[in-house]
Amino acid sequence: MDEEPRNPPAGTTLRVAVFAGLAEAVGARTLDLPWSGGTAAELRAAAAARTPAATALLARSAVVVEGRHAADGDPVAVGADVALLPPVSGG
C-alpha cells in the first residue's frame, strides 16, 4: 500500500498548534503560516509577524517539531508537525 507523501510542496501553509496563553493571545488553537522551510527561530518570527499582539510571548515560547523541542537553529521542514508552547509556571 502506497502512502501519501507527508511533505507538501514548498511554499505551502504550515499549520502550527498553539497552546495555553499563547492560544489566547493568537485567538485560536492553530496558526497557519506560509512556509517553505526554515529554522525554528524563523518560524517564531513568522508567527510574530502574523500575530503582532503575541510577539512578546512568542519570543519566550518553545518550538516543538515532531514531538521534540527545537533549538533556534534547528530546521523546520514543510509539512512538519509543529507546536508552539508558551512558558508555564507552577508550584
C-alpha atoms as a PDB file:
ATOM      1  CA  MET A   1       0.000   0.000   0.000  1.00  0.00           C
ATOM      2  CA  ASP A   2       1.460   3.353  -1.054  1.00  0.00           C
ATOM      3  CA  GLU A   3       1.346   6.158   1.498  1.00  0.00           C
ATOM      4  CA  GLU A   4       0.660   9.755   0.575  1.00  0.00           C
ATOM      5  CA  PRO A   5       3.761  11.945   0.849  1.00  0.00           C
ATOM      6  CA  ARG A   6       3.974  13.644   4.253  1.00  0.00           C
ATOM      7  CA  ASN A   7       5.584  16.844   2.980  1.00  0.00           C
ATOM      8  CA  PRO A   8       3.510  19.075   0.736  1.00  0.00           C
ATOM      9  CA  PRO A   9       5.221  21.096  -1.999  1.00  0.00           C
ATOM     10  CA  ALA A  10       7.412  24.031  -0.989  1.00  0.00           C
ATOM     11  CA  GLY A  11       5.681  27.324  -0.461  1.00  0.00           C
ATOM     12  CA  THR A  12       2.610  25.896   1.212  1.00  0.00           C
ATOM     13  CA  THR A  13       0.920  26.619   4.510  1.00  0.00           C
ATOM     14  CA  LEU A  14       2.246  25.122   7.724  1.00  0.00           C
ATOM     15  CA  ARG A  15      -0.361  24.564  10.440  1.00  0.00           C
ATOM     16  CA  VAL A  16       1.153  25.203  13.869  1.00  0.00           C
ATOM     17  CA  ALA A  17      -0.596  24.165  17.077  1.00  0.00           C
ATOM     18  CA  VAL A  18      -0.568  26.774  19.843  1.00  0.00           C
ATOM     19  CA  PHE A  19      -1.389  26.200  23.499  1.00  0.00           C
ATOM     20  CA  ALA A  20      -2.402  27.876  26.750  1.00  0.00           C
ATOM     21  CA  GLY A  21      -1.898  31.650  26.990  1.00  0.00           C
ATOM     22  CA  LEU A  22      -0.402  31.709  23.516  1.00  0.00           C
ATOM     23  CA  ALA A  23      -3.649  30.345  22.050  1.00  0.00           C
ATOM     24  CA  GLU A  24      -5.483  33.131  23.875  1.00  0.00           C
ATOM     25  CA  ALA A  25      -3.083  35.760  22.504  1.00  0.00           C
ATOM     26  CA  VAL A  26      -3.364  34.376  18.959  1.00  0.00           C
ATOM     27  CA  GLY A  27      -7.126  33.925  19.243  1.00  0.00           C
ATOM     28  CA  ALA A  28      -7.044  30.324  18.009  1.00  0.00           C
ATOM     29  CA  ARG A  29      -5.577  26.902  18.776  1.00  0.00           C
ATOM     30  CA  THR A  30      -3.805  26.761  15.417  1.00  0.00           C
ATOM     31  CA  LEU A  31      -1.888  29.245  13.357  1.00  0.00           C
ATOM     32  CA  ASP A  32      -1.482  28.821   9.594  1.00  0.00           C
ATOM     33  CA  LEU A  33       1.781  30.249   8.284  1.00  0.00           C
ATOM     34  CA  PRO A  34       3.108  30.465   4.725  1.00  0.00           C
ATOM     35  CA  TRP A  35       6.145  28.194   4.925  1.00  0.00           C
ATOM     36  CA  SER A  36       8.721  26.821   2.545  1.00  0.00           C
ATOM     37  CA  GLY A  37      11.077  25.628   5.281  1.00  0.00           C
ATOM     38  CA  GLY A  38      13.460  27.384   7.624  1.00  0.00           C
ATOM     39  CA  THR A  39      14.654  27.336  11.215  1.00  0.00           C
ATOM     40  CA  ALA A  40      12.746  27.302  14.484  1.00  0.00           C
ATOM     41  CA  ALA A  41      13.753  30.942  15.028  1.00  0.00           C
ATOM     42  CA  GLU A  42      12.407  31.864  11.586  1.00  0.00           C
ATOM     43  CA  LEU A  43       9.160  30.053  12.363  1.00  0.00           C
ATOM     44  CA  ARG A  44       8.814  32.001  15.615  1.00  0.00           C
ATOM     45  CA  ALA A  45       9.467  35.256  13.685  1.00  0.00           C
ATOM     46  CA  ALA A  46       6.867  34.330  11.056  1.00  0.00           C
ATOM     47  CA  ALA A  47       4.335  33.647  13.805  1.00  0.00           C
ATOM     48  CA  ALA A  48       5.122  37.019  15.395  1.00  0.00           C
ATOM     49  CA  ALA A  49       4.697  38.789  12.055  1.00  0.00           C
ATOM     50  CA  ARG A  50       1.296  37.122  11.643  1.00  0.00           C
ATOM     51  CA  THR A  51       0.169  37.914  15.216  1.00  0.00           C
ATOM     52  CA  PRO A  52       1.944  41.054  16.470  1.00  0.00           C
ATOM     53  CA  ALA A  53      -0.042  41.070  19.745  1.00  0.00           C
ATOM     54  CA  ALA A  54       1.645  37.775  20.676  1.00  0.00           C
ATOM     55  CA  THR A  55       5.219  38.837  19.817  1.00  0.00           C
ATOM     56  CA  ALA A  56       6.500  39.099  23.403  1.00  0.00           C
ATOM     57  CA  LEU A  57       5.022  35.724  24.364  1.00  0.00           C
ATOM     58  CA  LEU A  58       6.290  34.075  21.181  1.00  0.00           C
ATOM     59  CA  ALA A  59       9.824  35.244  21.974  1.00  0.00           C
ATOM     60  CA  ARG A  60       9.696  33.127  25.140  1.00  0.00           C
ATOM     61  CA  SER A  61       7.810  30.167  23.659  1.00  0.00           C
ATOM     62  CA  ALA A  62       9.320  26.803  22.808  1.00  0.00           C
ATOM     63  CA  VAL A  63       9.129  25.432  19.278  1.00  0.00           C
ATOM     64  CA  VAL A  64       8.350  21.713  19.234  1.00  0.00           C
ATOM     65  CA  VAL A  65       8.954  19.834  15.983  1.00  0.00           C
ATOM     66  CA  GLU A  66       7.843  16.223  15.616  1.00  0.00           C
ATOM     67  CA  GLY A  67       7.482  15.981  19.409  1.00  0.00           C
ATOM     68  CA  ARG A  68      10.954  17.323  20.258  1.00  0.00           C
ATOM     69  CA  HIS A  69      11.988  20.755  21.484  1.00  0.00           C
ATOM     70  CA  ALA A  70      13.848  22.553  18.696  1.00  0.00           C
ATOM     71  CA  ALA A  71      16.766  24.930  19.179  1.00  0.00           C
ATOM     72  CA  ASP A  72      16.592  28.221  17.270  1.00  0.00           C
ATOM     73  CA  GLY A  73      18.866  26.934  14.504  1.00  0.00           C
ATOM     74  CA  ASP A  74      17.113  23.589  14.057  1.00  0.00           C
ATOM     75  CA  PRO A  75      15.324  23.085  10.736  1.00  0.00           C
ATOM     76  CA  VAL A  76      11.553  23.032  10.434  1.00  0.00           C
ATOM     77  CA  ALA A  77      10.536  21.260   7.258  1.00  0.00           C
ATOM     78  CA  VAL A  78       7.452  21.899   5.188  1.00  0.00           C
ATOM     79  CA  GLY A  79       4.772  19.522   6.438  1.00  0.00           C
ATOM     80  CA  ALA A  80       6.336  19.011   9.874  1.00  0.00           C
ATOM     81  CA  ASP A  81       4.212  18.504  12.975  1.00  0.00           C
ATOM     82  CA  VAL A  82       4.886  21.762  14.853  1.00  0.00           C
ATOM     83  CA  ALA A  83       3.659  23.306  18.083  1.00  0.00           C
ATOM     84  CA  LEU A  84       4.443  26.490  19.954  1.00  0.00           C
ATOM     85  CA  LEU A  85       4.434  26.147  23.740  1.00  0.00           C
ATOM     86  CA  PRO A  86       4.465  29.235  25.943  1.00  0.00           C
ATOM     87  CA  PRO A  87       6.356  29.159  29.221  1.00  0.00           C
ATOM     88  CA  VAL A  88       4.358  27.745  32.103  1.00  0.00           C
ATOM     89  CA  SER A  89       4.630  28.251  35.793  1.00  0.00           C
ATOM     90  CA  GLY A  90       3.523  26.031  38.585  1.00  0.00           C
ATOM     91  CA  GLY A  91       4.198  25.198  42.094  1.00  0.00           C
END
